[in-house]
PDB file of N, CA and C in Angstrom:
ATOM      1  N   MET A   1     -11.514  16.612 -11.616  1.00  0.00           N
ATOM      2  CA  MET A   1     -10.229  15.582 -10.944  1.00  0.00           C
ATOM      3  C   MET A   1      -9.209  16.362 -10.304  1.00  0.00           C
ATOM      4  N   ALA A   2      -8.903  15.961  -9.319  1.00  0.00           N
ATOM      5  CA  ALA A   2      -7.807  16.628  -8.457  1.00  0.00           C
ATOM      6  C   ALA A   2      -6.737  17.044  -9.528  1.00  0.00           C
ATOM      7  N   SER A   3      -5.958  18.108  -9.002  1.00  0.00           N
ATOM      8  CA  SER A   3      -5.337  18.757 -10.011  1.00  0.00           C
ATOM      9  C   SER A   3      -3.754  18.267  -9.704  1.00  0.00           C
ATOM     10  N   PHE A   4      -3.483  16.853 -10.361  1.00  0.00           N
ATOM     11  CA  PHE A   4      -2.233  16.284 -10.503  1.00  0.00           C
ATOM     12  C   PHE A   4      -1.867  16.192 -11.855  1.00  0.00           C
ATOM     13  N   LYS A   5      -0.726  16.474 -12.076  1.00  0.00           N
ATOM     14  CA  LYS A   5      -0.077  16.101 -13.268  1.00  0.00           C
ATOM     15  C   LYS A   5       0.424  14.877 -13.738  1.00  0.00           C
ATOM     16  N   ARG A   6       0.815  14.200 -12.748  1.00  0.00           N
ATOM     17  CA  ARG A   6       1.379  12.727 -12.769  1.00  0.00           C
ATOM     18  C   ARG A   6       0.957  11.871 -11.635  1.00  0.00           C
ATOM     19  N   PHE A   7       0.932  10.652 -11.602  1.00  0.00           N
ATOM     20  CA  PHE A   7       0.603   9.839 -10.489  1.00  0.00           C
ATOM     21  C   PHE A   7       1.565   9.999  -9.386  1.00  0.00           C
ATOM     22  N   GLU A   8       2.946  10.349  -9.981  1.00  0.00           N
ATOM     23  CA  GLU A   8       3.984  10.362  -9.219  1.00  0.00           C
ATOM     24  C   GLU A   8       3.867  11.532  -8.168  1.00  0.00           C
ATOM     25  N   ASP A   9       2.991  12.500  -8.485  1.00  0.00           N
ATOM     26  CA  ASP A   9       2.756  13.922  -7.568  1.00  0.00           C
ATOM     27  C   ASP A   9       1.875  13.385  -6.351  1.00  0.00           C
ATOM     28  N   ILE A  10       1.179  12.189  -6.424  1.00  0.00           N
ATOM     29  CA  ILE A  10       0.166  11.996  -5.300  1.00  0.00           C
ATOM     30  C   ILE A  10       0.961  11.527  -4.012  1.00  0.00           C
ATOM     31  N   HIS A  11       0.702  12.189  -2.961  1.00  0.00           N
ATOM     32  CA  HIS A  11       1.646  11.856  -1.731  1.00  0.00           C
ATOM     33  C   HIS A  11       1.129  10.255  -1.387  1.00  0.00           C
ATOM     34  N   ALA A  12      -0.063  10.007  -1.418  1.00  0.00           N
ATOM     35  CA  ALA A  12      -0.403   8.819  -0.993  1.00  0.00           C
ATOM     36  C   ALA A  12       0.539   7.727  -1.965  1.00  0.00           C
ATOM     37  N   TRP A  13       0.581   7.870  -3.254  1.00  0.00           N
ATOM     38  CA  TRP A  13       1.608   7.060  -3.966  1.00  0.00           C
ATOM     39  C   TRP A  13       2.889   6.888  -3.766  1.00  0.00           C
ATOM     40  N   GLN A  14       3.602   8.151  -3.142  1.00  0.00           N
ATOM     41  CA  GLN A  14       4.893   8.333  -2.573  1.00  0.00           C
ATOM     42  C   GLN A  14       4.873   7.580  -1.347  1.00  0.00           C
ATOM     43  N   LYS A  15       3.978   7.516  -0.466  1.00  0.00           N
ATOM     44  CA  LYS A  15       4.073   6.769   0.623  1.00  0.00           C
ATOM     45  C   LYS A  15       3.953   5.404   0.058  1.00  0.00           C
ATOM     46  N   ALA A  16       3.214   5.002  -0.485  1.00  0.00           N
ATOM     47  CA  ALA A  16       2.847   3.650  -1.071  1.00  0.00           C
ATOM     48  C   ALA A  16       4.365   2.987  -1.515  1.00  0.00           C
ATOM     49  N   ARG A  17       4.767   3.919  -2.219  1.00  0.00           N
ATOM     50  CA  ARG A  17       6.333   3.426  -2.861  1.00  0.00           C
ATOM     51  C   ARG A  17       7.189   3.169  -1.667  1.00  0.00           C
ATOM     52  N   GLU A  18       7.256   3.905  -0.503  1.00  0.00           N
ATOM     53  CA  GLU A  18       8.127   3.685   0.422  1.00  0.00           C
ATOM     54  C   GLU A  18       7.783   2.236   1.062  1.00  0.00           C
ATOM     55  N   LEU A  19       6.327   2.342   1.380  1.00  0.00           N
ATOM     56  CA  LEU A  19       6.031   1.089   1.801  1.00  0.00           C
ATOM     57  C   LEU A  19       6.486  -0.270   1.041  1.00  0.00           C
ATOM     58  N   THR A  20       6.237  -0.081  -0.248  1.00  0.00           N
ATOM     59  CA  THR A  20       6.666  -1.188  -1.234  1.00  0.00           C
ATOM     60  C   THR A  20       8.256  -1.762  -0.881  1.00  0.00           C
ATOM     61  N   SER A  21       8.945  -0.403  -0.870  1.00  0.00           N
ATOM     62  CA  SER A  21      10.449  -0.587  -0.733  1.00  0.00           C
ATOM     63  C   SER A  21      10.851  -1.020   0.611  1.00  0.00           C
ATOM     64  N   LEU A  22      10.111  -0.753   1.905  1.00  0.00           N
ATOM     65  CA  LEU A  22      10.575  -1.322   3.003  1.00  0.00           C
ATOM     66  C   LEU A  22      10.103  -2.930   3.032  1.00  0.00           C
ATOM     67  N   VAL A  23       8.950  -3.057   2.470  1.00  0.00           N
ATOM     68  CA  VAL A  23       8.423  -4.676   2.386  1.00  0.00           C
ATOM     69  C   VAL A  23       9.415  -5.493   1.471  1.00  0.00           C
ATOM     70  N   TYR A  24       9.887  -5.003   0.538  1.00  0.00           N
ATOM     71  CA  TYR A  24      10.867  -5.586  -0.379  1.00  0.00           C
ATOM     72  C   TYR A  24      12.021  -5.898   0.542  1.00  0.00           C
ATOM     73  N   LYS A  25      12.423  -5.048   0.924  1.00  0.00           N
ATOM     74  CA  LYS A  25      13.719  -5.097   1.781  1.00  0.00           C
ATOM     75  C   LYS A  25      13.523  -5.853   2.908  1.00  0.00           C
ATOM     76  N   THR A  26      12.379  -5.872   3.647  1.00  0.00           N
ATOM     77  CA  THR A  26      12.157  -6.948   4.768  1.00  0.00           C
ATOM     78  C   THR A  26      12.283  -8.351   4.202  1.00  0.00           C
ATOM     79  N   SER A  27      11.221  -8.663   3.143  1.00  0.00           N
ATOM     80  CA  SER A  27      11.207  -9.866   2.710  1.00  0.00           C
ATOM     81  C   SER A  27      12.300 -10.610   1.848  1.00  0.00           C
ATOM     82  N   ARG A  28      13.169  -9.782   1.692  1.00  0.00           N
ATOM     83  CA  ARG A  28      14.363 -10.337   1.226  1.00  0.00           C
ATOM     84  C   ARG A  28      15.460 -10.873   2.066  1.00  0.00           C
ATOM     85  N   GLU A  29      15.132 -10.730   3.309  1.00  0.00           N
ATOM     86  CA  GLU A  29      16.278 -11.246   4.277  1.00  0.00           C
ATOM     87  C   GLU A  29      15.705 -12.521   5.078  1.00  0.00           C
ATOM     88  N   GLY A  30      16.847 -13.355   5.586  1.00  0.00           N
ATOM     89  CA  GLY A  30      16.297 -14.551   6.491  1.00  0.00           C
ATOM     90  C   GLY A  30      15.379 -15.424   6.033  1.00  0.00           C
ATOM     91  N   ASP A  31      14.772 -16.061   6.842  1.00  0.00           N
ATOM     92  CA  ASP A  31      13.864 -17.202   6.531  1.00  0.00           C
ATOM     93  C   ASP A  31      12.653 -16.586   5.751  1.00  0.00           C
ATOM     94  N   PHE A  32      12.381 -15.328   5.820  1.00  0.00           N
ATOM     95  CA  PHE A  32      11.230 -14.630   5.108  1.00  0.00           C
ATOM     96  C   PHE A  32      11.618 -14.686   3.686  1.00  0.00           C
ATOM     97  N   SER A  33      12.860 -14.701   3.446  1.00  0.00           N
ATOM     98  CA  SER A  33      13.247 -14.760   1.994  1.00  0.00           C
ATOM     99  C   SER A  33      12.765 -16.019   1.079  1.00  0.00           C
ATOM    100  N   ARG A  34      12.721 -17.275   1.992  1.00  0.00           N
ATOM    101  CA  ARG A  34      12.654 -18.414   1.667  1.00  0.00           C
ATOM    102  C   ARG A  34      11.132 -19.092   1.820  1.00  0.00           C
ATOM    103  N   ASP A  35      10.337 -17.947   2.157  1.00  0.00           N
ATOM    104  CA  ASP A  35       8.966 -18.370   2.536  1.00  0.00           C
ATOM    105  C   ASP A  35       8.231 -17.938   1.288  1.00  0.00           C
ATOM    106  N   PHE A  36       8.229 -18.504  -0.079  1.00  0.00           N
ATOM    107  CA  PHE A  36       7.954 -17.913  -1.244  1.00  0.00           C
ATOM    108  C   PHE A  36       6.459 -17.467  -1.467  1.00  0.00           C
ATOM    109  N   GLY A  37       5.544 -18.066  -0.663  1.00  0.00           N
ATOM    110  CA  GLY A  37       4.046 -17.805  -0.440  1.00  0.00           C
ATOM    111  C   GLY A  37       3.788 -16.537   0.208  1.00  0.00           C
ATOM    112  N   LEU A  38       4.348 -16.648   1.241  1.00  0.00           N
ATOM    113  CA  LEU A  38       4.031 -15.320   2.197  1.00  0.00           C
ATOM    114  C   LEU A  38       4.735 -14.042   1.517  1.00  0.00           C
ATOM    115  N   LYS A  39       6.094 -14.535   1.068  1.00  0.00           N
ATOM    116  CA  LYS A  39       6.962 -13.334   0.528  1.00  0.00           C
ATOM    117  C   LYS A  39       6.213 -12.736  -0.675  1.00  0.00           C
ATOM    118  N   ASP A  40       5.646 -13.611  -1.450  1.00  0.00           N
ATOM    119  CA  ASP A  40       4.866 -13.054  -2.751  1.00  0.00           C
ATOM    120  C   ASP A  40       3.853 -12.392  -2.291  1.00  0.00           C
ATOM    121  N   GLN A  41       2.978 -13.117  -1.114  1.00  0.00           N
ATOM    122  CA  GLN A  41       1.689 -12.476  -0.808  1.00  0.00           C
ATOM    123  C   GLN A  41       1.785 -10.950  -0.380  1.00  0.00           C
ATOM    124  N   ILE A  42       2.768 -10.728   0.668  1.00  0.00           N
ATOM    125  CA  ILE A  42       3.008  -9.248   1.016  1.00  0.00           C
ATOM    126  C   ILE A  42       3.593  -8.156   0.029  1.00  0.00           C
ATOM    127  N   ARG A  43       4.549  -8.956  -0.956  1.00  0.00           N
ATOM    128  CA  ARG A  43       5.001  -7.936  -1.843  1.00  0.00           C
ATOM    129  C   ARG A  43       3.995  -7.752  -2.895  1.00  0.00           C
ATOM    130  N   ARG A  44       3.025  -8.406  -3.267  1.00  0.00           N
ATOM    131  CA  ARG A  44       1.792  -8.349  -4.094  1.00  0.00           C
ATOM    132  C   ARG A  44       1.037  -7.156  -3.606  1.00  0.00           C
ATOM    133  N   ALA A  45       0.631  -7.198  -2.372  1.00  0.00           N
ATOM    134  CA  ALA A  45      -0.251  -6.504  -1.656  1.00  0.00           C
ATOM    135  C   ALA A  45       0.345  -5.099  -1.520  1.00  0.00           C
ATOM    136  N   SER A  46       1.680  -4.811  -1.329  1.00  0.00           N
ATOM    137  CA  SER A  46       2.356  -3.414  -1.482  1.00  0.00           C
ATOM    138  C   SER A  46       2.491  -2.643  -2.788  1.00  0.00           C
ATOM    139  N   VAL A  47       2.766  -3.717  -3.483  1.00  0.00           N
ATOM    140  CA  VAL A  47       2.651  -3.368  -5.158  1.00  0.00           C
ATOM    141  C   VAL A  47       1.196  -2.663  -5.812  1.00  0.00           C
ATOM    142  N   SER A  48       0.144  -3.928  -5.120  1.00  0.00           N
ATOM    143  CA  SER A  48      -1.060  -3.441  -5.667  1.00  0.00           C
ATOM    144  C   SER A  48      -1.453  -1.993  -5.125  1.00  0.00           C
ATOM    145  N   VAL A  49      -1.230  -1.567  -3.757  1.00  0.00           N
ATOM    146  CA  VAL A  49      -1.271  -0.094  -3.536  1.00  0.00           C
ATOM    147  C   VAL A  49      -0.793   0.849  -4.337  1.00  0.00           C
ATOM    148  N   MET A  50       0.456   0.667  -4.632  1.00  0.00           N
ATOM    149  CA  MET A  50       1.046   1.657  -5.755  1.00  0.00           C
ATOM    150  C   MET A  50       0.321   1.761  -7.065  1.00  0.00           C
ATOM    151  N   ASN A  51       0.291   0.494  -7.593  1.00  0.00           N
ATOM    152  CA  ASN A  51      -0.392   0.187  -8.980  1.00  0.00           C
ATOM    153  C   ASN A  51      -1.938   0.589  -8.993  1.00  0.00           C
ATOM    154  N   ASN A  52      -2.778   0.606  -7.831  1.00  0.00           N
ATOM    155  CA  ASN A  52      -4.034   1.077  -8.135  1.00  0.00           C
ATOM    156  C   ASN A  52      -4.216   2.585  -7.937  1.00  0.00           C
ATOM    157  N   VAL A  53      -3.217   3.302  -7.332  1.00  0.00           N
ATOM    158  CA  VAL A  53      -3.364   4.596  -7.194  1.00  0.00           C
ATOM    159  C   VAL A  53      -2.807   4.961  -8.864  1.00  0.00           C
ATOM    160  N   ALA A  54      -1.990   4.641  -9.364  1.00  0.00           N
ATOM    161  CA  ALA A  54      -1.468   5.033 -10.863  1.00  0.00           C
ATOM    162  C   ALA A  54      -2.540   4.619 -11.493  1.00  0.00           C
ATOM    163  N   GLU A  55      -3.271   3.268 -11.545  1.00  0.00           N
ATOM    164  CA  GLU A  55      -4.222   2.943 -12.564  1.00  0.00           C
ATOM    165  C   GLU A  55      -5.425   3.958 -12.155  1.00  0.00           C
ATOM    166  N   GLY A  56      -5.934   4.161 -11.116  1.00  0.00           N
ATOM    167  CA  GLY A  56      -7.319   5.236 -10.760  1.00  0.00           C
ATOM    168  C   GLY A  56      -6.766   6.425 -11.447  1.00  0.00           C
ATOM    169  N   PHE A  57      -5.627   6.888 -11.221  1.00  0.00           N
ATOM    170  CA  PHE A  57      -5.393   8.066 -11.692  1.00  0.00           C
ATOM    171  C   PHE A  57      -5.285   8.309 -13.182  1.00  0.00           C
ATOM    172  N   GLY A  58      -4.889   7.246 -13.951  1.00  0.00           N
ATOM    173  CA  GLY A  58      -5.237   6.957 -15.355  1.00  0.00           C
ATOM    174  C   GLY A  58      -6.443   7.057 -15.886  1.00  0.00           C
ATOM    175  N   ARG A  59      -7.496   6.604 -14.936  1.00  0.00           N
ATOM    176  CA  ARG A  59      -9.047   6.650 -15.548  1.00  0.00           C
ATOM    177  C   ARG A  59      -9.551   7.983 -15.728  1.00  0.00           C
ATOM    178  N   HIS A  60      -8.822   9.024 -15.612  1.00  0.00           N
ATOM    179  CA  HIS A  60      -9.496  10.473 -15.546  1.00  0.00           C
ATOM    180  C   HIS A  60     -10.747  10.690 -15.361  1.00  0.00           C
ATOM    181  N   GLY A  61     -11.146  10.528 -14.187  1.00  0.00           N
ATOM    182  CA  GLY A  61     -12.557  10.446 -13.732  1.00  0.00           C
ATOM    183  C   GLY A  61     -12.609  10.527 -12.279  1.00  0.00           C
ATOM    184  N   ASP A  62     -13.176  11.304 -11.532  1.00  0.00           N
ATOM    185  CA  ASP A  62     -13.046  11.151 -10.058  1.00  0.00           C
ATOM    186  C   ASP A  62     -13.760  10.011  -9.420  1.00  0.00           C
ATOM    187  N   ASN A  63     -14.950   9.307  -9.697  1.00  0.00           N
ATOM    188  CA  ASN A  63     -15.428   8.446  -9.465  1.00  0.00           C
ATOM    189  C   ASN A  63     -14.613   7.183  -9.703  1.00  0.00           C
ATOM    190  N   GLU A  64     -14.037   7.003 -10.825  1.00  0.00           N
ATOM    191  CA  GLU A  64     -13.326   5.788 -11.048  1.00  0.00           C
ATOM    192  C   GLU A  64     -11.861   6.056 -10.087  1.00  0.00           C
ATOM    193  N   PHE A  65     -11.234   7.134 -10.322  1.00  0.00           N
ATOM    194  CA  PHE A  65     -10.205   7.136  -9.234  1.00  0.00           C
ATOM    195  C   PHE A  65     -10.259   7.010  -7.805  1.00  0.00           C
ATOM    196  N   ALA A  66     -11.484   7.223  -7.375  1.00  0.00           N
ATOM    197  CA  ALA A  66     -11.835   7.176  -5.958  1.00  0.00           C
ATOM    198  C   ALA A  66     -12.062   5.483  -5.774  1.00  0.00           C
ATOM    199  N   ARG A  67     -12.641   4.867  -6.736  1.00  0.00           N
ATOM    200  CA  ARG A  67     -12.774   3.426  -6.557  1.00  0.00           C
ATOM    201  C   ARG A  67     -11.672   2.551  -6.635  1.00  0.00           C
ATOM    202  N   PHE A  68     -10.548   3.001  -7.412  1.00  0.00           N
ATOM    203  CA  PHE A  68      -9.134   2.354  -7.203  1.00  0.00           C
ATOM    204  C   PHE A  68      -8.046   2.832  -5.987  1.00  0.00           C
ATOM    205  N   LEU A  69      -8.588   3.933  -5.476  1.00  0.00           N
ATOM    206  CA  LEU A  69      -8.121   4.447  -4.315  1.00  0.00           C
ATOM    207  C   LEU A  69      -8.422   3.450  -3.155  1.00  0.00           C
ATOM    208  N   GLU A  70     -10.023   3.213  -3.212  1.00  0.00           N
ATOM    209  CA  GLU A  70     -10.505   2.118  -2.129  1.00  0.00           C
ATOM    210  C   GLU A  70      -9.704   0.738  -2.296  1.00  0.00           C
ATOM    211  N   ILE A  71      -9.665   0.191  -3.470  1.00  0.00           N
ATOM    212  CA  ILE A  71      -8.943  -1.028  -3.637  1.00  0.00           C
ATOM    213  C   ILE A  71      -7.504  -0.830  -3.150  1.00  0.00           C
ATOM    214  N   ALA A  72      -6.869   0.238  -3.395  1.00  0.00           N
ATOM    215  CA  ALA A  72      -5.506   0.255  -2.906  1.00  0.00           C
ATOM    216  C   ALA A  72      -5.505   0.299  -1.263  1.00  0.00           C
ATOM    217  N   LYS A  73      -6.279   1.110  -0.917  1.00  0.00           N
ATOM    218  CA  LYS A  73      -6.654   0.995   0.773  1.00  0.00           C
ATOM    219  C   LYS A  73      -6.689  -0.431   1.212  1.00  0.00           C
ATOM    220  N   GLY A  74      -7.537  -1.347   0.465  1.00  0.00           N
ATOM    221  CA  GLY A  74      -7.640  -2.717   1.010  1.00  0.00           C
ATOM    222  C   GLY A  74      -6.478  -3.473   0.784  1.00  0.00           C
ATOM    223  N   SER A  75      -5.457  -3.293   0.039  1.00  0.00           N
ATOM    224  CA  SER A  75      -4.410  -3.604  -0.272  1.00  0.00           C
ATOM    225  C   SER A  75      -3.536  -3.295   1.011  1.00  0.00           C
ATOM    226  N   ALA A  76      -3.477  -2.050   1.382  1.00  0.00           N
ATOM    227  CA  ALA A  76      -2.675  -1.818   2.468  1.00  0.00           C
ATOM    228  C   ALA A  76      -3.079  -2.513   3.602  1.00  0.00           C
ATOM    229  N   TYR A  77      -4.354  -2.539   3.938  1.00  0.00           N
ATOM    230  CA  TYR A  77      -4.856  -3.404   4.874  1.00  0.00           C
ATOM    231  C   TYR A  77      -4.370  -4.815   4.985  1.00  0.00           C
ATOM    232  N   GLU A  78      -4.371  -5.310   3.632  1.00  0.00           N
ATOM    233  CA  GLU A  78      -3.787  -6.755   3.493  1.00  0.00           C
ATOM    234  C   GLU A  78      -2.296  -6.839   3.845  1.00  0.00           C
ATOM    235  N   VAL A  79      -1.476  -5.616   3.635  1.00  0.00           N
ATOM    236  CA  VAL A  79      -0.124  -5.684   4.076  1.00  0.00           C
ATOM    237  C   VAL A  79      -0.127  -5.715   5.602  1.00  0.00           C
ATOM    238  N   GLN A  80      -1.025  -5.007   6.352  1.00  0.00           N
ATOM    239  CA  GLN A  80      -0.866  -5.118   7.751  1.00  0.00           C
ATOM    240  C   GLN A  80      -1.171  -6.340   8.388  1.00  0.00           C
ATOM    241  N   SER A  81      -2.066  -7.119   7.866  1.00  0.00           N
ATOM    242  CA  SER A  81      -2.583  -8.461   8.235  1.00  0.00           C
ATOM    243  C   SER A  81      -1.705  -9.179   7.775  1.00  0.00           C
ATOM    244  N   THR A  82      -0.807  -9.205   6.829  1.00  0.00           N
ATOM    245  CA  THR A  82       0.345 -10.342   6.640  1.00  0.00           C
ATOM    246  C   THR A  82       1.360  -9.891   7.387  1.00  0.00           C
ATOM    247  N   THR A  83       1.695  -8.822   8.079  1.00  0.00           N
ATOM    248  CA  THR A  83       2.690  -8.685   9.043  1.00  0.00           C
ATOM    249  C   THR A  83       2.819  -9.392  10.396  1.00  0.00           C
ATOM    250  N   TYR A  84       1.331  -9.696  10.651  1.00  0.00           N
ATOM    251  CA  TYR A  84       0.927 -10.550  11.697  1.00  0.00           C
ATOM    252  C   TYR A  84       1.459 -12.091  11.596  1.00  0.00           C
ATOM    253  N   VAL A  85       1.245 -12.650  10.250  1.00  0.00           N
ATOM    254  CA  VAL A  85       1.648 -13.786   9.833  1.00  0.00           C
ATOM    255  C   VAL A  85       3.418 -13.921   9.915  1.00  0.00           C
ATOM    256  N   ALA A  86       3.853 -12.852   9.292  1.00  0.00           N
ATOM    257  CA  ALA A  86       5.247 -12.762   9.130  1.00  0.00           C
ATOM    258  C   ALA A  86       6.010 -12.697  10.814  1.00  0.00           C
ATOM    259  N   LEU A  87       5.173 -12.156  11.747  1.00  0.00           N
ATOM    260  CA  LEU A  87       5.585 -12.027  13.161  1.00  0.00           C
ATOM    261  C   LEU A  87       5.432 -13.373  13.752  1.00  0.00           C
ATOM    262  N   ASP A  88       4.274 -13.881  13.381  1.00  0.00           N
ATOM    263  CA  ASP A  88       4.130 -15.182  14.070  1.00  0.00           C
ATOM    264  C   ASP A  88       4.985 -16.302  13.556  1.00  0.00           C
ATOM    265  N   ALA A  89       5.322 -16.123  12.420  1.00  0.00           N
ATOM    266  CA  ALA A  89       6.232 -17.080  11.951  1.00  0.00           C
ATOM    267  C   ALA A  89       7.781 -17.054  12.206  1.00  0.00           C
ATOM    268  N   GLY A  90       8.017 -15.929  12.819  1.00  0.00           N
ATOM    269  CA  GLY A  90       9.482 -15.550  13.414  1.00  0.00           C
ATOM    270  C   GLY A  90      10.075 -14.986  12.563  1.00  0.00           C
ATOM    271  N   TYR A  91       9.449 -14.655  11.125  1.00  0.00           N
ATOM    272  CA  TYR A  91      10.613 -13.708  10.311  1.00  0.00           C
ATOM    273  C   TYR A  91      10.685 -12.462  10.552  1.00  0.00           C
ATOM    274  N   ILE A  92       9.843 -11.744  11.233  1.00  0.00           N
ATOM    275  CA  ILE A  92      10.292 -10.221  11.514  1.00  0.00           C
ATOM    276  C   ILE A  92       9.944 -10.176  13.072  1.00  0.00           C
ATOM    277  N   ASP A  93      10.424  -9.387  13.875  1.00  0.00           N
ATOM    278  CA  ASP A  93      10.277  -8.887  15.109  1.00  0.00           C
ATOM    279  C   ASP A  93       9.063  -7.905  15.292  1.00  0.00           C
ATOM    280  N   GLU A  94       8.602  -7.611  16.432  1.00  0.00           N
ATOM    281  CA  GLU A  94       7.592  -6.773  16.788  1.00  0.00           C
ATOM    282  C   GLU A  94       7.955  -5.172  16.438  1.00  0.00           C
ATOM    283  N   GLN A  95       8.939  -4.751  16.580  1.00  0.00           N
ATOM    284  CA  GLN A  95       9.429  -3.494  16.004  1.00  0.00           C
ATOM    285  C   GLN A  95       9.277  -3.249  14.479  1.00  0.00           C
ATOM    286  N   LEU A  96       9.722  -4.367  13.969  1.00  0.00           N
ATOM    287  CA  LEU A  96       9.487  -4.069  12.207  1.00  0.00           C
ATOM    288  C   LEU A  96       8.275  -4.224  11.989  1.00  0.00           C
ATOM    289  N   ARG A  97       7.438  -5.251  12.461  1.00  0.00           N
ATOM    290  CA  ARG A  97       5.886  -5.133  12.228  1.00  0.00           C
ATOM    291  C   ARG A  97       5.183  -4.195  12.412  1.00  0.00           C
ATOM    292  N   VAL A  98       5.526  -3.593  13.563  1.00  0.00           N
ATOM    293  CA  VAL A  98       4.935  -2.120  13.844  1.00  0.00           C
ATOM    294  C   VAL A  98       5.438  -1.103  12.657  1.00  0.00           C
ATOM    295  N   GLN A  99       6.578  -1.225  12.464  1.00  0.00           N
ATOM    296  CA  GLN A  99       7.119  -0.070  11.393  1.00  0.00           C
ATOM    297  C   GLN A  99       6.157  -0.468  10.213  1.00  0.00           C
ATOM    298  N   ILE A 100       6.111  -1.458   9.812  1.00  0.00           N
ATOM    299  CA  ILE A 100       5.411  -1.745   8.368  1.00  0.00           C
ATOM    300  C   ILE A 100       4.148  -1.579   8.796  1.00  0.00           C
ATOM    301  N   TYR A 101       3.433  -1.765   9.751  1.00  0.00           N
ATOM    302  CA  TYR A 101       1.773  -1.682   9.879  1.00  0.00           C
ATOM    303  C   TYR A 101       1.634  -0.057   9.941  1.00  0.00           C
ATOM    304  N   GLN A 102       2.487   0.616  10.635  1.00  0.00           N
ATOM    305  CA  GLN A 102       2.362   2.108  10.855  1.00  0.00           C
ATOM    306  C   GLN A 102       2.467   2.778   9.355  1.00  0.00           C
ATOM    307  N   MET A 103       3.595   2.358   8.804  1.00  0.00           N
ATOM    308  CA  MET A 103       3.513   2.809   7.393  1.00  0.00           C
ATOM    309  C   MET A 103       2.393   2.401   6.557  1.00  0.00           C
ATOM    310  N   ALA A 104       1.985   1.327   6.546  1.00  0.00           N
ATOM    311  CA  ALA A 104       0.608   0.926   5.846  1.00  0.00           C
ATOM    312  C   ALA A 104      -0.600   1.836   6.198  1.00  0.00           C
ATOM    313  N   ASP A 105      -0.612   2.187   7.481  1.00  0.00           N
ATOM    314  CA  ASP A 105      -1.616   2.850   8.172  1.00  0.00           C
ATOM    315  C   ASP A 105      -1.672   4.577   7.526  1.00  0.00           C
ATOM    316  N   THR A 106      -0.459   5.021   7.570  1.00  0.00           N
ATOM    317  CA  THR A 106      -0.231   6.302   7.016  1.00  0.00           C
ATOM    318  C   THR A 106      -0.798   6.363   5.551  1.00  0.00           C
ATOM    319  N   THR A 107      -0.305   5.115   4.782  1.00  0.00           N
ATOM    320  CA  THR A 107      -0.670   5.012   3.468  1.00  0.00           C
ATOM    321  C   THR A 107      -2.402   5.066   3.230  1.00  0.00           C
ATOM    322  N   ALA A 108      -2.958   4.148   4.081  1.00  0.00           N
ATOM    323  CA  ALA A 108      -4.249   4.214   4.058  1.00  0.00           C
ATOM    324  C   ALA A 108      -5.031   5.399   4.505  1.00  0.00           C
ATOM    325  N   ALA A 109      -4.603   6.074   5.357  1.00  0.00           N
ATOM    326  CA  ALA A 109      -5.212   7.457   5.760  1.00  0.00           C
ATOM    327  C   ALA A 109      -5.046   8.437   4.722  1.00  0.00           C
ATOM    328  N   LEU A 110      -3.836   8.469   3.910  1.00  0.00           N
ATOM    329  CA  LEU A 110      -3.816   9.439   2.736  1.00  0.00           C
ATOM    330  C   LEU A 110      -4.588   8.894   1.770  1.00  0.00           C
ATOM    331  N   LEU A 111      -4.859   7.713   1.375  1.00  0.00           N
ATOM    332  CA  LEU A 111      -5.709   7.169   0.409  1.00  0.00           C
ATOM    333  C   LEU A 111      -7.399   7.642   0.655  1.00  0.00           C
ATOM    334  N   SER A 112      -7.565   7.310   2.131  1.00  0.00           N
ATOM    335  CA  SER A 112      -8.688   7.628   2.554  1.00  0.00           C
ATOM    336  C   SER A 112      -9.345   9.312   2.232  1.00  0.00           C
ATOM    337  N   GLY A 113      -8.262  10.124   2.740  1.00  0.00           N
ATOM    338  CA  GLY A 113      -8.518  11.731   2.212  1.00  0.00           C
ATOM    339  C   GLY A 113      -8.624  12.053   0.942  1.00  0.00           C
ATOM    340  N   LEU A 114      -7.822  11.423   0.033  1.00  0.00           N
ATOM    341  CA  LEU A 114      -8.099  11.372  -1.179  1.00  0.00           C
ATOM    342  C   LEU A 114      -9.456  11.013  -1.463  1.00  0.00           C
ATOM    343  N   THR A 115      -9.880   9.859  -1.399  1.00  0.00           N
ATOM    344  CA  THR A 115     -10.927   9.379  -1.756  1.00  0.00           C
ATOM    345  C   THR A 115     -12.179  10.274  -1.283  1.00  0.00           C
ATOM    346  N   ASN A 116     -12.074  10.838  -0.055  1.00  0.00           N
ATOM    347  CA  ASN A 116     -13.040  11.540   0.282  1.00  0.00           C
ATOM    348  C   ASN A 116     -13.178  12.926  -0.269  1.00  0.00           C
ATOM    349  N   TYR A 117     -12.041  13.379  -0.518  1.00  0.00           N
ATOM    350  CA  TYR A 117     -11.849  14.689  -1.368  1.00  0.00           C
ATOM    351  C   TYR A 117     -12.492  14.381  -2.887  1.00  0.00           C
ATOM    352  N   LEU A 118     -12.169  13.399  -3.646  1.00  0.00           N
ATOM    353  CA  LEU A 118     -12.819  13.155  -4.786  1.00  0.00           C
ATOM    354  C   LEU A 118     -14.289  12.883  -4.952  1.00  0.00           C
ATOM    355  N   ARG A 119     -14.630  12.192  -4.073  1.00  0.00           N
ATOM    356  CA  ARG A 119     -16.136  11.788  -3.876  1.00  0.00           C
ATOM    357  C   ARG A 119     -16.980  13.182  -3.441  1.00  0.00           C
ATOM    358  N   LYS A 120     -16.437  14.172  -2.794  1.00  0.00           N
ATOM    359  CA  LYS A 120     -17.016  15.293  -2.533  1.00  0.00           C
ATOM    360  C   LYS A 120     -17.156  16.334  -4.077  1.00  0.00           C
ATOM    361  N   GLN A 121     -16.142  16.024  -4.838  1.00  0.00           N
ATOM    362  CA  GLN A 121     -15.904  16.704  -6.126  1.00  0.00           C
ATOM    363  C   GLN A 121     -16.943  16.276  -7.107  1.00  0.00           C
ATOM    364  N   GLY A 122     -17.251  15.033  -6.992  1.00  0.00           N
ATOM    365  CA  GLY A 122     -18.281  14.428  -7.811  1.00  0.00           C
ATOM    366  C   GLY A 122     -19.591  14.356  -7.474  1.00  0.00           C
TER     367      GLY A 122
END
């Protein structure tokens, strides 16, 4: 397995944490804060990215870790998709949508890189 001592050392987890922080900050404001369904959906998706990295790390095997990273990447894409709903509903502007989208994209790329590394090791 990759030589991480703690899941907090994984760059993809750190970026996922930044993404989650931005999602929580964004969904705490204005009409977005009152759309409980959408707010819950985007928050759960962002937290899922972080938690799947941590859970995969805790499995202590490259194949299992890679599987959880794939799930985390799917959740990052879910965050991206949900930004369009928030934009279309008028909860965020295009600039903020792009900011969240790009942060999720960066996170997904880091997850892909780590997944590819792990799969080559196994």
